[in-house]
Amino acid sequence: MNEGVKTIIFPVKDLDGAKRLLAVVAGGEPYMDEPYYVGFKIAGQDVGLDPNAHDKGLTHPTPYWHVDDIRARYQELLDAGAESVQDVRDVGDGKLVASVRDADGNILGLIQPAS
């Protein structure tokens, strides 16, 4: 099952500066504020700031599709011609993420929520 894009992650170099600006746009403080990730909920959309994203190959804002079987969907994308950017990995408490690059260089992310 695909629940659509529910998360967008921005790679940032200045986490504090980006957090201040996004707090203005969001109209409030983040729900998660850690040195490795700052997350805001805006009208049901999860918007994240990741200071380590550049090291993971993410150079632009990346949409993340929420899926129920990340490994199958990731392999289907690779089989369809996508290039792996980040293999499936657990980012904590069973939440899995992965990302691929299409032929035009766009990065597509996948998230499987913890079960």
Protein backbone atom coordinates (compact mmCIF):
# COMPACT_ATOMS: atom_id res chain seq x y z
CA MET A 1 0.00 0.00 0.00
CA ASN A 2 1.16 3.53 -0.75
CA GLU A 3 -0.07 6.34 1.49
CA GLY A 4 1.42 9.09 -0.67
CA VAL A 5 4.00 11.71 0.17
CA LYS A 6 3.68 12.58 3.83
CA THR A 7 7.25 13.67 4.58
CA ILE A 8 9.64 16.13 2.98
CA ILE A 9 13.20 16.34 4.27
CA PHE A 10 15.45 19.31 3.65
CA PRO A 11 19.21 18.84 3.83
CA VAL A 12 20.63 21.76 5.85
CA LYS A 13 24.08 22.94 6.86
CA ASP A 14 22.88 25.51 9.42
CA LEU A 15 20.37 23.55 11.49
CA ASP A 16 19.64 26.36 13.95
CA GLY A 17 19.11 28.93 11.21
CA ALA A 18 16.88 26.59 9.20
CA LYS A 19 14.92 25.71 12.34
CA ARG A 20 14.24 29.40 13.08
CA LEU A 21 12.96 30.01 9.55
CA LEU A 22 10.79 26.91 9.43
CA ALA A 23 9.29 27.75 12.84
CA VAL A 24 8.08 31.03 11.31
CA VAL A 25 6.50 29.26 8.32
CA ALA A 26 5.07 26.48 10.52
CA GLY A 27 3.71 28.94 13.04
CA GLY A 28 5.14 26.99 15.94
CA GLU A 29 7.92 24.94 17.42
CA PRO A 30 9.11 21.53 16.17
CA TYR A 31 7.66 18.31 17.57
CA MET A 32 11.17 16.80 17.44
CA ASP A 33 14.32 18.82 18.07
CA GLU A 34 17.50 16.76 18.09
CA PRO A 35 21.03 17.52 16.80
CA TYR A 36 20.51 14.93 14.03
CA TYR A 37 16.93 15.89 12.98
CA VAL A 38 14.36 18.61 13.54
CA GLY A 39 10.77 17.81 12.58
CA PHE A 40 7.68 19.97 12.19
CA LYS A 41 4.06 18.95 11.60
CA ILE A 42 2.40 21.38 9.22
CA ALA A 43 -1.22 20.65 8.23
CA GLY A 44 -0.64 16.89 8.50
CA GLN A 45 2.63 17.08 6.57
CA ASP A 46 5.91 16.12 8.23
CA VAL A 47 8.67 18.57 7.28
CA GLY A 48 12.15 17.65 8.48
CA LEU A 49 15.55 19.29 8.61
CA ASP A 50 18.52 16.92 8.40
CA PRO A 51 22.03 18.29 8.98
CA ASN A 52 23.54 14.95 7.89
CA ALA A 53 21.56 14.57 4.65
CA HIS A 54 24.39 15.77 2.43
CA ASP A 55 26.54 12.90 3.73
CA LYS A 56 23.72 10.51 2.74
CA GLY A 57 23.64 11.80 -0.84
CA LEU A 58 20.61 14.05 -0.41
CA THR A 59 21.32 17.48 -1.88
CA HIS A 60 17.81 18.88 -2.42
CA PRO A 61 14.48 18.66 -0.59
CA THR A 62 13.38 15.05 -0.85
CA PRO A 63 9.78 13.78 -0.86
CA TYR A 64 9.23 10.56 1.06
CA TRP A 65 6.45 8.20 0.05
CA HIS A 66 4.97 6.23 2.95
CA VAL A 67 4.69 2.55 2.04
CA ASP A 68 3.86 -0.65 3.90
CA ASP A 69 6.61 -2.84 2.34
CA ILE A 70 9.71 -0.72 1.82
CA ARG A 71 11.98 -3.55 0.73
CA ALA A 72 9.62 -4.66 -2.05
CA ARG A 73 8.97 -1.10 -3.26
CA TYR A 74 12.69 -0.23 -3.13
CA GLN A 75 13.54 -3.30 -5.24
CA GLU A 76 10.74 -2.47 -7.70
CA LEU A 77 12.23 1.01 -8.15
CA LEU A 78 15.70 -0.44 -8.75
CA ASP A 79 14.25 -2.94 -11.23
CA ALA A 80 12.53 -0.04 -13.02
CA GLY A 81 15.88 1.71 -13.53
CA ALA A 82 16.36 3.82 -10.41
CA GLU A 83 19.81 4.14 -8.84
CA SER A 84 20.24 3.52 -5.12
CA VAL A 85 21.11 6.56 -3.04
CA GLN A 86 20.49 5.03 0.38
CA ASP A 87 19.68 1.37 0.98
CA VAL A 88 16.89 0.44 3.41
CA ARG A 89 17.93 1.24 6.97
CA ASP A 90 16.35 1.58 10.39
CA VAL A 91 16.41 5.16 11.67
CA GLY A 92 15.09 4.25 15.10
CA ASP A 93 12.28 2.31 16.74
CA GLY A 94 11.70 0.23 13.61
CA LYS A 95 11.04 3.11 11.19
CA LEU A 96 12.71 2.27 7.86
CA VAL A 97 13.89 4.68 5.15
CA ALA A 98 15.53 4.37 1.75
CA SER A 99 16.06 6.59 -1.29
CA VAL A 100 16.71 6.26 -5.01
CA ARG A 101 17.61 8.59 -7.87
CA ASP A 102 15.71 8.62 -11.17
CA ALA A 103 17.26 9.15 -14.61
CA ASP A 104 16.86 12.93 -14.27
CA GLY A 105 18.67 13.05 -10.94
CA ASN A 106 15.53 13.49 -8.80
CA ILE A 107 15.64 11.72 -5.48
CA LEU A 108 12.62 9.76 -4.29
CA GLY A 109 12.46 8.66 -0.68
CA LEU A 110 10.55 5.82 0.92
CA ILE A 111 9.44 5.49 4.55
CA GLN A 112 7.92 2.47 6.22
CA PRO A 113 6.52 3.51 9.60
CA ALA A 114 7.37 1.34 12.58
CA SER A 115 4.90 -1.49 13.07
